[in-house]
Amino acid sequence: MALPFEMDLKDKKVFLRIGASDFRRGIRGMVSLVVGAMDLKMDEKSLFVFCSTSKKQIRIVYTEGAGIWMCTRMIRYGTYPWPMNSKAASQLTVQELKDLLVDPVPLEHLRARGKVSRMELHI
């Protein structure tokens, strides 16, 4: 499993924003969450991971060179099991981030709204 961007994740820190984030914000809004609400500094050694209010999307924001990247992953069925309180998590390991982004998404990572009676694979 590879992340959707080509970068060496060795010596990277992964910060997870607890609770839901408003994805109507653009890249500047996500950076303002990192600098303002999370009180962290944007640097090339850090990745910042956010979850949408519906818990169906994850965004990763990181700095590379003179610019900032924002990657989004959306799932169609179920939701991500995202921590909603500050005791649950705030920093992930690189392996935990890879496990969260594995494709296809494991069923234990999804919380369906109702009983799942049939799964379809669309290729």
PDB file of N, CA and C in Angstrom:
ATOM      1  N   MET A   1       0.850  -1.184   0.000  1.00  0.00           N
ATOM      2  CA  MET A   1       0.000   0.000   0.000  1.00  0.00           C
ATOM      3  C   MET A   1       0.882   1.228   0.000  1.00  0.00           C
ATOM      4  N   ALA A   2       0.604   2.131  -0.892  1.00  0.00           N
ATOM      5  CA  ALA A   2       1.364   3.374  -0.963  1.00  0.00           C
ATOM      6  C   ALA A   2       0.428   4.548  -0.763  1.00  0.00           C
ATOM      7  N   LEU A   3       0.952   5.573  -0.173  1.00  0.00           N
ATOM      8  CA  LEU A   3       0.173   6.798  -0.055  1.00  0.00           C
ATOM      9  C   LEU A   3       0.055   7.424  -1.432  1.00  0.00           C
ATOM     10  N   PRO A   4      -0.919   8.304  -1.644  1.00  0.00           N
ATOM     11  CA  PRO A   4      -1.151   8.843  -2.979  1.00  0.00           C
ATOM     12  C   PRO A   4      -0.122   9.865  -3.433  1.00  0.00           C
ATOM     13  N   PHE A   5       0.945  10.017  -2.700  1.00  0.00           N
ATOM     14  CA  PHE A   5       1.985  10.950  -3.092  1.00  0.00           C
ATOM     15  C   PHE A   5       3.321  10.270  -2.875  1.00  0.00           C
ATOM     16  N   GLU A   6       4.283  10.625  -3.677  1.00  0.00           N
ATOM     17  CA  GLU A   6       5.596  10.008  -3.585  1.00  0.00           C
ATOM     18  C   GLU A   6       6.467  10.818  -2.637  1.00  0.00           C
ATOM     19  N   MET A   7       6.616  10.338  -1.440  1.00  0.00           N
ATOM     20  CA  MET A   7       7.490  10.991  -0.482  1.00  0.00           C
ATOM     21  C   MET A   7       8.009   9.969   0.505  1.00  0.00           C
ATOM     22  N   ASP A   8       9.170  10.250   1.028  1.00  0.00           N
ATOM     23  CA  ASP A   8       9.752   9.395   2.041  1.00  0.00           C
ATOM     24  C   ASP A   8       9.137   9.772   3.386  1.00  0.00           C
ATOM     25  N   LEU A   9       8.479   8.835   4.043  1.00  0.00           N
ATOM     26  CA  LEU A   9       7.807   9.110   5.307  1.00  0.00           C
ATOM     27  C   LEU A   9       8.690   8.854   6.521  1.00  0.00           C
ATOM     28  N   LYS A  10       9.945   8.487   6.271  1.00  0.00           N
ATOM     29  CA  LYS A  10      10.869   8.282   7.370  1.00  0.00           C
ATOM     30  C   LYS A  10      11.108   9.618   8.072  1.00  0.00           C
ATOM     31  N   ASP A  11      11.091   9.602   9.383  1.00  0.00           N
ATOM     32  CA  ASP A  11      11.291  10.797  10.214  1.00  0.00           C
ATOM     33  C   ASP A  11      10.168  11.820  10.097  1.00  0.00           C
ATOM     34  N   LYS A  12       8.998  11.414   9.596  1.00  0.00           N
ATOM     35  CA  LYS A  12       7.846  12.322   9.519  1.00  0.00           C
ATOM     36  C   LYS A  12       6.986  12.157  10.764  1.00  0.00           C
ATOM     37  N   LYS A  13       6.384  13.244  11.196  1.00  0.00           N
ATOM     38  CA  LYS A  13       5.428  13.217  12.295  1.00  0.00           C
ATOM     39  C   LYS A  13       4.037  13.350  11.689  1.00  0.00           C
ATOM     40  N   VAL A  14       3.093  12.565  12.178  1.00  0.00           N
ATOM     41  CA  VAL A  14       1.721  12.601  11.682  1.00  0.00           C
ATOM     42  C   VAL A  14       0.829  13.095  12.818  1.00  0.00           C
ATOM     43  N   PHE A  15       0.171  14.239  12.596  1.00  0.00           N
ATOM     44  CA  PHE A  15      -0.715  14.821  13.594  1.00  0.00           C
ATOM     45  C   PHE A  15      -2.160  14.671  13.144  1.00  0.00           C
ATOM     46  N   LEU A  16      -2.991  14.159  14.031  1.00  0.00           N
ATOM     47  CA  LEU A  16      -4.391  13.921  13.740  1.00  0.00           C
ATOM     48  C   LEU A  16      -5.224  14.977  14.458  1.00  0.00           C
ATOM     49  N   ARG A  17      -6.110  15.639  13.742  1.00  0.00           N
ATOM     50  CA  ARG A  17      -7.006  16.624  14.375  1.00  0.00           C
ATOM     51  C   ARG A  17      -8.200  15.873  14.935  1.00  0.00           C
ATOM     52  N   ILE A  18      -8.378  15.976  16.238  1.00  0.00           N
ATOM     53  CA  ILE A  18      -9.468  15.296  16.928  1.00  0.00           C
ATOM     54  C   ILE A  18     -10.801  15.923  16.529  1.00  0.00           C
ATOM     55  N   GLY A  19     -11.823  15.106  16.396  1.00  0.00           N
ATOM     56  CA  GLY A  19     -13.147  15.604  16.060  1.00  0.00           C
ATOM     57  C   GLY A  19     -13.279  15.906  14.578  1.00  0.00           C
ATOM     58  N   ALA A  20     -14.433  16.407  14.212  1.00  0.00           N
ATOM     59  CA  ALA A  20     -14.733  16.689  12.805  1.00  0.00           C
ATOM     60  C   ALA A  20     -14.240  18.073  12.412  1.00  0.00           C
ATOM     61  N   SER A  21     -13.841  18.198  11.151  1.00  0.00           N
ATOM     62  CA  SER A  21     -13.409  19.481  10.591  1.00  0.00           C
ATOM     63  C   SER A  21     -14.332  19.848   9.444  1.00  0.00           C
ATOM     64  N   ASP A  22     -14.584  21.122   9.304  1.00  0.00           N
ATOM     65  CA  ASP A  22     -15.452  21.623   8.242  1.00  0.00           C
ATOM     66  C   ASP A  22     -14.669  21.636   6.930  1.00  0.00           C
ATOM     67  N   PHE A  23     -15.044  20.746   6.002  1.00  0.00           N
ATOM     68  CA  PHE A  23     -14.318  20.636   4.739  1.00  0.00           C
ATOM     69  C   PHE A  23     -14.755  21.670   3.710  1.00  0.00           C
ATOM     70  N   ARG A  24     -15.653  22.569   4.062  1.00  0.00           N
ATOM     71  CA  ARG A  24     -15.959  23.673   3.153  1.00  0.00           C
ATOM     72  C   ARG A  24     -14.795  24.645   3.089  1.00  0.00           C
ATOM     73  N   ARG A  25     -13.906  24.533   4.068  1.00  0.00           N
ATOM     74  CA  ARG A  25     -12.687  25.345   4.056  1.00  0.00           C
ATOM     75  C   ARG A  25     -11.783  24.859   2.924  1.00  0.00           C
ATOM     76  N   GLY A  26     -11.066  25.758   2.361  1.00  0.00           N
ATOM     77  CA  GLY A  26     -10.076  25.388   1.359  1.00  0.00           C
ATOM     78  C   GLY A  26      -8.754  25.084   2.026  1.00  0.00           C
ATOM     79  N   ILE A  27      -7.714  25.100   1.240  1.00  0.00           N
ATOM     80  CA  ILE A  27      -6.388  24.791   1.775  1.00  0.00           C
ATOM     81  C   ILE A  27      -5.947  25.835   2.801  1.00  0.00           C
ATOM     82  N   ARG A  28      -6.302  27.095   2.594  1.00  0.00           N
ATOM     83  CA  ARG A  28      -5.953  28.131   3.575  1.00  0.00           C
ATOM     84  C   ARG A  28      -6.681  27.913   4.889  1.00  0.00           C
ATOM     85  N   GLY A  29      -7.912  27.442   4.830  1.00  0.00           N
ATOM     86  CA  GLY A  29      -8.659  27.145   6.042  1.00  0.00           C
ATOM     87  C   GLY A  29      -8.058  25.984   6.819  1.00  0.00           C
ATOM     88  N   MET A  30      -7.570  24.975   6.097  1.00  0.00           N
ATOM     89  CA  MET A  30      -6.934  23.840   6.766  1.00  0.00           C
ATOM     90  C   MET A  30      -5.619  24.265   7.421  1.00  0.00           C
ATOM     91  N   VAL A  31      -4.863  25.117   6.733  1.00  0.00           N
ATOM     92  CA  VAL A  31      -3.616  25.622   7.312  1.00  0.00           C
ATOM     93  C   VAL A  31      -3.918  26.469   8.551  1.00  0.00           C
ATOM     94  N   SER A  32      -4.999  27.241   8.507  1.00  0.00           N
ATOM     95  CA  SER A  32      -5.350  28.051   9.677  1.00  0.00           C
ATOM     96  C   SER A  32      -5.752  27.167  10.860  1.00  0.00           C
ATOM     97  N   LEU A  33      -6.331  25.991  10.606  1.00  0.00           N
ATOM     98  CA  LEU A  33      -6.624  25.049  11.683  1.00  0.00           C
ATOM     99  C   LEU A  33      -5.331  24.523  12.315  1.00  0.00           C
ATOM    100  N   VAL A  34      -4.346  24.239  11.478  1.00  0.00           N
ATOM    101  CA  VAL A  34      -3.070  23.726  11.989  1.00  0.00           C
ATOM    102  C   VAL A  34      -2.390  24.787  12.848  1.00  0.00           C
ATOM    103  N   VAL A  35      -2.266  25.992  12.308  1.00  0.00           N
ATOM    104  CA  VAL A  35      -1.541  27.060  12.994  1.00  0.00           C
ATOM    105  C   VAL A  35      -2.348  27.631  14.156  1.00  0.00           C
ATOM    106  N   GLY A  36      -3.664  27.807  13.964  1.00  0.00           N
ATOM    107  CA  GLY A  36      -4.492  28.421  14.989  1.00  0.00           C
ATOM    108  C   GLY A  36      -5.013  27.455  16.023  1.00  0.00           C
ATOM    109  N   ALA A  37      -5.921  26.573  15.630  1.00  0.00           N
ATOM    110  CA  ALA A  37      -6.599  25.678  16.576  1.00  0.00           C
ATOM    111  C   ALA A  37      -5.670  24.604  17.138  1.00  0.00           C
ATOM    112  N   MET A  38      -4.813  24.035  16.304  1.00  0.00           N
ATOM    113  CA  MET A  38      -3.927  22.972  16.772  1.00  0.00           C
ATOM    114  C   MET A  38      -2.649  23.527  17.387  1.00  0.00           C
ATOM    115  N   ASP A  39      -2.347  24.796  17.138  1.00  0.00           N
ATOM    116  CA  ASP A  39      -1.165  25.481  17.673  1.00  0.00           C
ATOM    117  C   ASP A  39       0.124  24.745  17.300  1.00  0.00           C
ATOM    118  N   LEU A  40       0.216  24.364  16.018  1.00  0.00           N
ATOM    119  CA  LEU A  40       1.401  23.685  15.504  1.00  0.00           C
ATOM    120  C   LEU A  40       1.990  24.492  14.353  1.00  0.00           C
ATOM    121  N   LYS A  41       3.221  24.172  14.009  1.00  0.00           N
ATOM    122  CA  LYS A  41       3.917  24.866  12.936  1.00  0.00           C
ATOM    123  C   LYS A  41       3.933  23.988  11.686  1.00  0.00           C
ATOM    124  N   MET A  42       3.622  24.580  10.537  1.00  0.00           N
ATOM    125  CA  MET A  42       3.706  23.855   9.267  1.00  0.00           C
ATOM    126  C   MET A  42       5.179  23.732   8.885  1.00  0.00           C
ATOM    127  N   ASP A  43       5.672  22.511   8.829  1.00  0.00           N
ATOM    128  CA  ASP A  43       7.039  22.277   8.378  1.00  0.00           C
ATOM    129  C   ASP A  43       7.070  21.020   7.521  1.00  0.00           C
ATOM    130  N   GLU A  44       8.200  20.777   6.886  1.00  0.00           N
ATOM    131  CA  GLU A  44       8.309  19.642   5.970  1.00  0.00           C
ATOM    132  C   GLU A  44       8.418  18.304   6.680  1.00  0.00           C
ATOM    133  N   LYS A  45       8.509  18.305   7.976  1.00  0.00           N
ATOM    134  CA  LYS A  45       8.616  17.063   8.740  1.00  0.00           C
ATOM    135  C   LYS A  45       7.278  16.599   9.281  1.00  0.00           C
ATOM    136  N   SER A  46       6.175  17.305   8.967  1.00  0.00           N
ATOM    137  CA  SER A  46       4.883  16.999   9.561  1.00  0.00           C
ATOM    138  C   SER A  46       3.789  16.816   8.523  1.00  0.00           C
ATOM    139  N   LEU A  47       2.896  15.858   8.794  1.00  0.00           N
ATOM    140  CA  LEU A  47       1.675  15.651   8.025  1.00  0.00           C
ATOM    141  C   LEU A  47       0.504  15.902   8.973  1.00  0.00           C
ATOM    142  N   PHE A  48      -0.547  16.550   8.494  1.00  0.00           N
ATOM    143  CA  PHE A  48      -1.705  16.870   9.320  1.00  0.00           C
ATOM    144  C   PHE A  48      -2.930  16.206   8.700  1.00  0.00           C
ATOM    145  N   VAL A  49      -3.651  15.412   9.501  1.00  0.00           N
ATOM    146  CA  VAL A  49      -4.764  14.602   9.010  1.00  0.00           C
ATOM    147  C   VAL A  49      -6.066  15.085   9.648  1.00  0.00           C
ATOM    148  N   PHE A  50      -7.089  15.302   8.804  1.00  0.00           N
ATOM    149  CA  PHE A  50      -8.389  15.813   9.234  1.00  0.00           C
ATOM    150  C   PHE A  50      -9.487  14.874   8.752  1.00  0.00           C
ATOM    151  N   CYS A  51     -10.627  14.893   9.447  1.00  0.00           N
ATOM    152  CA  CYS A  51     -11.793  14.110   9.044  1.00  0.00           C
ATOM    153  C   CYS A  51     -12.980  15.059   8.885  1.00  0.00           C
ATOM    154  N   SER A  52     -13.830  14.798   7.898  1.00  0.00           N
ATOM    155  CA  SER A  52     -14.990  15.647   7.643  1.00  0.00           C
ATOM    156  C   SER A  52     -16.074  15.423   8.696  1.00  0.00           C
ATOM    157  N   THR A  53     -17.055  16.302   8.713  1.00  0.00           N
ATOM    158  CA  THR A  53     -18.156  16.176   9.670  1.00  0.00           C
ATOM    159  C   THR A  53     -18.970  14.909   9.427  1.00  0.00           C
ATOM    160  N   SER A  54     -19.039  14.447   8.181  1.00  0.00           N
ATOM    161  CA  SER A  54     -19.772  13.210   7.878  1.00  0.00           C
ATOM    162  C   SER A  54     -18.938  11.962   8.160  1.00  0.00           C
ATOM    163  N   LYS A  55     -17.653  12.122   8.452  1.00  0.00           N
ATOM    164  CA  LYS A  55     -16.695  11.038   8.688  1.00  0.00           C
ATOM    165  C   LYS A  55     -16.528  10.136   7.467  1.00  0.00           C
ATOM    166  N   LYS A  56     -16.803  10.660   6.289  1.00  0.00           N
ATOM    167  CA  LYS A  56     -16.635   9.908   5.050  1.00  0.00           C
ATOM    168  C   LYS A  56     -15.396  10.351   4.271  1.00  0.00           C
ATOM    169  N   GLN A  57     -14.776  11.454   4.685  1.00  0.00           N
ATOM    170  CA  GLN A  57     -13.608  11.973   3.987  1.00  0.00           C
ATOM    171  C   GLN A  57     -12.468  12.241   4.959  1.00  0.00           C
ATOM    172  N   ILE A  58     -11.260  12.028   4.464  1.00  0.00           N
ATOM    173  CA  ILE A  58     -10.050  12.348   5.208  1.00  0.00           C
ATOM    174  C   ILE A  58      -9.215  13.271   4.333  1.00  0.00           C
ATOM    175  N   ARG A  59      -8.620  14.280   4.941  1.00  0.00           N
ATOM    176  CA  ARG A  59      -7.703  15.170   4.238  1.00  0.00           C
ATOM    177  C   ARG A  59      -6.344  15.138   4.912  1.00  0.00           C
ATOM    178  N   ILE A  60      -5.305  15.164   4.086  1.00  0.00           N
ATOM    179  CA  ILE A  60      -3.934  15.246   4.570  1.00  0.00           C
ATOM    180  C   ILE A  60      -3.342  16.532   4.001  1.00  0.00           C
ATOM    181  N   VAL A  61      -2.806  17.354   4.881  1.00  0.00           N
ATOM    182  CA  VAL A  61      -2.187  18.619   4.488  1.00  0.00           C
ATOM    183  C   VAL A  61      -0.724  18.551   4.896  1.00  0.00           C
ATOM    184  N   TYR A  62       0.155  18.907   3.963  1.00  0.00           N
ATOM    185  CA  TYR A  62       1.580  18.915   4.285  1.00  0.00           C
ATOM    186  C   TYR A  62       2.319  19.921   3.415  1.00  0.00           C
ATOM    187  N   THR A  63       3.485  20.325   3.895  1.00  0.00           N
ATOM    188  CA  THR A  63       4.331  21.301   3.205  1.00  0.00           C
ATOM    189  C   THR A  63       5.414  20.564   2.439  1.00  0.00           C
ATOM    190  N   GLU A  64       5.661  21.032   1.226  1.00  0.00           N
ATOM    191  CA  GLU A  64       6.746  20.486   0.421  1.00  0.00           C
ATOM    192  C   GLU A  64       7.367  21.631  -0.356  1.00  0.00           C
ATOM    193  N   GLY A  65       8.618  21.913  -0.089  1.00  0.00           N
ATOM    194  CA  GLY A  65       9.278  23.019  -0.761  1.00  0.00           C
ATOM    195  C   GLY A  65       8.619  24.345  -0.409  1.00  0.00           C
ATOM    196  N   ALA A  66       8.267  25.118  -1.427  1.00  0.00           N
ATOM    197  CA  ALA A  66       7.654  26.428  -1.212  1.00  0.00           C
ATOM    198  C   ALA A  66       6.130  26.358  -1.214  1.00  0.00           C
ATOM    199  N   GLY A  67       5.557  25.156  -1.339  1.00  0.00           N
ATOM    200  CA  GLY A  67       4.106  25.034  -1.438  1.00  0.00           C
ATOM    201  C   GLY A  67       3.509  24.116  -0.395  1.00  0.00           C
ATOM    202  N   ILE A  68       2.189  24.048  -0.425  1.00  0.00           N
ATOM    203  CA  ILE A  68       1.440  23.201   0.498  1.00  0.00           C
ATOM    204  C   ILE A  68       0.539  22.282  -0.315  1.00  0.00           C
ATOM    205  N   TRP A  69       0.527  20.995   0.035  1.00  0.00           N
ATOM    206  CA  TRP A  69      -0.306  19.999  -0.623  1.00  0.00           C
ATOM    207  C   TRP A  69      -1.494  19.668   0.266  1.00  0.00           C
ATOM    208  N   MET A  70      -2.625  19.358  -0.385  1.00  0.00           N
ATOM    209  CA  MET A  70      -3.794  18.863   0.324  1.00  0.00           C
ATOM    210  C   MET A  70      -4.358  17.683  -0.467  1.00  0.00           C
ATOM    211  N   CYS A  71      -4.395  16.502   0.156  1.00  0.00           N
ATOM    212  CA  CYS A  71      -4.935  15.296  -0.469  1.00  0.00           C
ATOM    213  C   CYS A  71      -6.232  14.935   0.230  1.00  0.00           C
ATOM    214  N   THR A  72      -7.219  14.480  -0.530  1.00  0.00           N
ATOM    215  CA  THR A  72      -8.510  14.088   0.035  1.00  0.00           C
ATOM    216  C   THR A  72      -8.825  12.655  -0.357  1.00  0.00           C
ATOM    217  N   ARG A  73      -9.340  11.897   0.593  1.00  0.00           N
ATOM    218  CA  ARG A  73      -9.812  10.529   0.323  1.00  0.00           C
ATOM    219  C   ARG A  73     -11.248  10.444   0.798  1.00  0.00           C
ATOM    220  N   MET A  74     -12.131   9.928  -0.050  1.00  0.00           N
ATOM    221  CA  MET A  74     -13.539   9.799   0.292  1.00  0.00           C
ATOM    222  C   MET A  74     -13.964   8.345   0.116  1.00  0.00           C
ATOM    223  N   ILE A  75     -14.761   7.856   1.066  1.00  0.00           N
ATOM    224  CA  ILE A  75     -15.328   6.517   0.935  1.00  0.00           C
ATOM    225  C   ILE A  75     -16.828   6.665   0.717  1.00  0.00           C
ATOM    226  N   ARG A  76     -17.401   5.714  -0.029  1.00  0.00           N
ATOM    227  CA  ARG A  76     -18.834   5.805  -0.336  1.00  0.00           C
ATOM    228  C   ARG A  76     -19.712   5.161   0.715  1.00  0.00           C
ATOM    229  N   TYR A  77     -19.265   4.061   1.316  1.00  0.00           N
ATOM    230  CA  TYR A  77     -20.098   3.321   2.257  1.00  0.00           C
ATOM    231  C   TYR A  77     -19.465   3.351   3.639  1.00  0.00           C
ATOM    232  N   GLY A  78     -20.281   3.544   4.660  1.00  0.00           N
ATOM    233  CA  GLY A  78     -19.788   3.546   6.021  1.00  0.00           C
ATOM    234  C   GLY A  78     -19.096   4.847   6.386  1.00  0.00           C
ATOM    235  N   THR A  79     -18.432   4.858   7.522  1.00  0.00           N
ATOM    236  CA  THR A  79     -17.698   6.028   7.992  1.00  0.00           C
ATOM    237  C   THR A  79     -16.386   5.580   8.616  1.00  0.00           C
ATOM    238  N   TYR A  80     -15.446   6.506   8.706  1.00  0.00           N
ATOM    239  CA  TYR A  80     -14.188   6.226   9.388  1.00  0.00           C
ATOM    240  C   TYR A  80     -14.395   6.294  10.895  1.00  0.00           C
ATOM    241  N   PRO A  81     -13.763   5.411  11.658  1.00  0.00           N
ATOM    242  CA  PRO A  81     -13.859   5.459  13.120  1.00  0.00           C
ATOM    243  C   PRO A  81     -12.921   6.539  13.649  1.00  0.00           C
ATOM    244  N   TRP A  82     -13.388   7.752  13.718  1.00  0.00           N
ATOM    245  CA  TRP A  82     -12.544   8.898  14.053  1.00  0.00           C
ATOM    246  C   TRP A  82     -12.676   9.265  15.527  1.00  0.00           C
ATOM    247  N   PRO A  83     -11.564   9.503  16.219  1.00  0.00           N
ATOM    248  CA  PRO A  83     -11.645   9.890  17.630  1.00  0.00           C
ATOM    249  C   PRO A  83     -12.298  11.266  17.790  1.00  0.00           C
ATOM    250  N   MET A  84     -13.220  11.378  18.736  1.00  0.00           N
ATOM    251  CA  MET A  84     -13.949  12.629  18.924  1.00  0.00           C
ATOM    252  C   MET A  84     -13.532  13.374  20.191  1.00  0.00           C
ATOM    253  N   ASN A  85     -12.691  12.766  21.042  1.00  0.00           N
ATOM    254  CA  ASN A  85     -12.222  13.478  22.227  1.00  0.00           C
ATOM    255  C   ASN A  85     -10.700  13.504  22.254  1.00  0.00           C
ATOM    256  N   SER A  86     -10.151  14.427  23.002  1.00  0.00           N
ATOM    257  CA  SER A  86      -8.702  14.628  22.983  1.00  0.00           C
ATOM    258  C   SER A  86      -7.922  13.485  23.624  1.00  0.00           C
ATOM    259  N   LYS A  87      -8.570  12.621  24.394  1.00  0.00           N
ATOM    260  CA  LYS A  87      -7.875  11.501  24.994  1.00  0.00           C
ATOM    261  C   LYS A  87      -7.666  10.359  24.000  1.00  0.00           C
ATOM    262  N   ALA A  88      -8.435  10.357  22.923  1.00  0.00           N
ATOM    263  CA  ALA A  88      -8.395   9.237  21.976  1.00  0.00           C
ATOM    264  C   ALA A  88      -7.102   9.197  21.174  1.00  0.00           C
ATOM    265  N   ALA A  89      -6.705  10.305  20.565  1.00  0.00           N
ATOM    266  CA  ALA A  89      -5.479  10.329  19.760  1.00  0.00           C
ATOM    267  C   ALA A  89      -5.152  11.748  19.358  1.00  0.00           C
ATOM    268  N   SER A  90      -3.890  12.023  19.166  1.00  0.00           N
ATOM    269  CA  SER A  90      -3.486  13.316  18.625  1.00  0.00           C
ATOM    270  C   SER A  90      -2.280  13.167  17.720  1.00  0.00           C
ATOM    271  N   GLN A  91      -1.520  12.109  17.900  1.00  0.00           N
ATOM    272  CA  GLN A  91      -0.387  11.870  17.015  1.00  0.00           C
ATOM    273  C   GLN A  91      -0.388  10.405  16.615  1.00  0.00           C
ATOM    274  N   LEU A  92      -0.253  10.166  15.326  1.00  0.00           N
ATOM    275  CA  LEU A  92      -0.233   8.817  14.777  1.00  0.00           C
ATOM    276  C   LEU A  92       1.182   8.449  14.373  1.00  0.00           C
ATOM    277  N   THR A  93       1.430   7.164  14.276  1.00  0.00           N
ATOM    278  CA  THR A  93       2.666   6.716  13.651  1.00  0.00           C
ATOM    279  C   THR A  93       2.409   6.650  12.141  1.00  0.00           C
ATOM    280  N   VAL A  94       3.463   6.566  11.378  1.00  0.00           N
ATOM    281  CA  VAL A  94       3.332   6.452   9.918  1.00  0.00           C
ATOM    282  C   VAL A  94       2.587   5.177   9.564  1.00  0.00           C
ATOM    283  N   GLN A  95       2.838   4.082  10.289  1.00  0.00           N
ATOM    284  CA  GLN A  95       2.155   2.820  10.009  1.00  0.00           C
ATOM    285  C   GLN A  95       0.663   2.925  10.295  1.00  0.00           C
ATOM    286  N   GLU A  96       0.262   3.623  11.359  1.00  0.00           N
ATOM    287  CA  GLU A  96      -1.161   3.808  11.658  1.00  0.00           C
ATOM    288  C   GLU A  96      -1.846   4.611  10.565  1.00  0.00           C
ATOM    289  N   LEU A  97      -1.144   5.601   9.996  1.00  0.00           N
ATOM    290  CA  LEU A  97      -1.700   6.367   8.876  1.00  0.00           C
ATOM    291  C   LEU A  97      -1.874   5.468   7.661  1.00  0.00           C
ATOM    292  N   LYS A  98      -0.895   4.638   7.368  1.00  0.00           N
ATOM    293  CA  LYS A  98      -1.009   3.709   6.241  1.00  0.00           C
ATOM    294  C   LYS A  98      -2.156   2.727   6.444  1.00  0.00           C
ATOM    295  N   ASP A  99      -2.334   2.251   7.670  1.00  0.00           N
ATOM    296  CA  ASP A  99      -3.442   1.337   7.968  1.00  0.00           C
ATOM    297  C   ASP A  99      -4.791   2.009   7.755  1.00  0.00           C
ATOM    298  N   LEU A 100      -4.866   3.293   8.080  1.00  0.00           N
ATOM    299  CA  LEU A 100      -6.111   4.037   7.908  1.00  0.00           C
ATOM    300  C   LEU A 100      -6.443   4.233   6.429  1.00  0.00           C
ATOM    301  N   LEU A 101      -5.414   4.350   5.589  1.00  0.00           N
ATOM    302  CA  LEU A 101      -5.612   4.635   4.164  1.00  0.00           C
ATOM    303  C   LEU A 101      -5.515   3.407   3.272  1.00  0.00           C
ATOM    304  N   VAL A 102      -5.452   2.224   3.869  1.00  0.00           N
ATOM    305  CA  VAL A 102      -5.313   1.004   3.074  1.00  0.00           C
ATOM    306  C   VAL A 102      -6.479   0.876   2.085  1.00  0.00           C
ATOM    307  N   ASP A 103      -6.196   0.281   0.939  1.00  0.00           N
ATOM    308  CA  ASP A 103      -7.212   0.129  -0.089  1.00  0.00           C
ATOM    309  C   ASP A 103      -7.268  -1.338  -0.515  1.00  0.00           C
ATOM    310  N   PRO A 104      -8.380  -2.003  -0.519  1.00  0.00           N
ATOM    311  CA  PRO A 104      -9.697  -1.498  -0.151  1.00  0.00           C
ATOM    312  C   PRO A 104      -9.811  -1.310   1.356  1.00  0.00           C
ATOM    313  N   VAL A 105     -10.711  -0.435   1.760  1.00  0.00           N
ATOM    314  CA  VAL A 105     -10.905  -0.126   3.169  1.00  0.00           C
ATOM    315  C   VAL A 105     -11.433  -1.374   3.869  1.00  0.00           C
ATOM    316  N   PRO A 106     -10.753  -1.854   4.922  1.00  0.00           N
ATOM    317  CA  PRO A 106     -11.237  -3.048   5.626  1.00  0.00           C
ATOM    318  C   PRO A 106     -12.599  -2.801   6.277  1.00  0.00           C
ATOM    319  N   LEU A 107     -13.411  -3.839   6.326  1.00  0.00           N
ATOM    320  CA  LEU A 107     -14.750  -3.686   6.896  1.00  0.00           C
ATOM    321  C   LEU A 107     -14.719  -3.258   8.350  1.00  0.00           C
ATOM    322  N   GLU A 108     -13.681  -3.657   9.103  1.00  0.00           N
ATOM    323  CA  GLU A 108     -13.635  -3.256  10.506  1.00  0.00           C
ATOM    324  C   GLU A 108     -13.346  -1.766  10.681  1.00  0.00           C
ATOM    325  N   HIS A 109     -12.864  -1.104   9.625  1.00  0.00           N
ATOM    326  CA  HIS A 109     -12.645   0.341   9.686  1.00  0.00           C
ATOM    327  C   HIS A 109     -13.903   1.129   9.349  1.00  0.00           C
ATOM    328  N   LEU A 110     -14.907   0.438   8.866  1.00  0.00           N
ATOM    329  CA  LEU A 110     -16.129   1.120   8.455  1.00  0.00           C
ATOM    330  C   LEU A 110     -17.242   0.860   9.457  1.00  0.00           C
ATOM    331  N   ARG A 111     -18.029   1.869   9.682  1.00  0.00           N
ATOM    332  CA  ARG A 111     -19.212   1.719  10.523  1.00  0.00           C
ATOM    333  C   ARG A 111     -20.420   2.006   9.651  1.00  0.00           C
ATOM    334  N   ALA A 112     -21.131   0.967   9.294  1.00  0.00           N
ATOM    335  CA  ALA A 112     -22.292   1.136   8.430  1.00  0.00           C
ATOM    336  C   ALA A 112     -23.460   1.688   9.230  1.00  0.00           C
ATOM    337  N   ARG A 113     -24.312   2.459   8.561  1.00  0.00           N
ATOM    338  CA  ARG A 113     -25.492   3.019   9.236  1.00  0.00           C
ATOM    339  C   ARG A 113     -26.510   1.943   9.571  1.00  0.00           C
ATOM    340  N   GLY A 114     -26.612   0.988   8.723  1.00  0.00           N
ATOM    341  CA  GLY A 114     -27.549  -0.110   8.957  1.00  0.00           C
ATOM    342  C   GLY A 114     -26.835  -1.425   8.746  1.00  0.00           C
ATOM    343  N   LYS A 115     -27.603  -2.478   8.711  1.00  0.00           N
ATOM    344  CA  LYS A 115     -27.017  -3.793   8.484  1.00  0.00           C
ATOM    345  C   LYS A 115     -26.564  -3.895   7.032  1.00  0.00           C
ATOM    346  N   VAL A 116     -25.339  -4.322   6.838  1.00  0.00           N
ATOM    347  CA  VAL A 116     -24.813  -4.497   5.491  1.00  0.00           C
ATOM    348  C   VAL A 116     -25.183  -5.894   5.035  1.00  0.00           C
ATOM    349  N   SER A 117     -25.993  -5.968   4.000  1.00  0.00           N
ATOM    350  CA  SER A 117     -26.428  -7.274   3.526  1.00  0.00           C
ATOM    351  C   SER A 117     -25.713  -7.679   2.242  1.00  0.00           C
ATOM    352  N   ARG A 118     -25.156  -6.707   1.531  1.00  0.00           N
ATOM    353  CA  ARG A 118     -24.523  -7.022   0.258  1.00  0.00           C
ATOM    354  C   ARG A 118     -23.430  -6.013  -0.020  1.00  0.00           C
ATOM    355  N   MET A 119     -22.272  -6.482  -0.405  1.00  0.00           N
ATOM    356  CA  MET A 119     -21.164  -5.604  -0.774  1.00  0.00           C
ATOM    357  C   MET A 119     -20.909  -5.780  -2.254  1.00  0.00           C
ATOM    358  N   GLU A 120     -20.723  -4.680  -2.959  1.00  0.00           N
ATOM    359  CA  GLU A 120     -20.414  -4.727  -4.382  1.00  0.00           C
ATOM    360  C   GLU A 120     -19.064  -4.110  -4.612  1.00  0.00           C
ATOM    361  N   LEU A 121     -18.326  -4.681  -5.515  1.00  0.00           N
ATOM    362  CA  LEU A 121     -17.035  -4.140  -5.891  1.00  0.00           C
ATOM    363  C   LEU A 121     -17.160  -3.554  -7.288  1.00  0.00           C
ATOM    364  N   HIS A 122     -16.933  -2.257  -7.407  1.00  0.00           N
ATOM    365  CA  HIS A 122     -17.002  -1.582  -8.711  1.00  0.00           C
ATOM    366  C   HIS A 122     -15.594  -1.275  -9.170  1.00  0.00           C
ATOM    367  N   ILE A 123     -15.227  -1.817 -10.301  1.00  0.00           N
ATOM    368  CA  ILE A 123     -13.892  -1.586 -10.838  1.00  0.00           C
ATOM    369  C   ILE A 123     -14.020  -0.796 -12.128  1.00  0.00           C
TER     370      ILE A 123
END
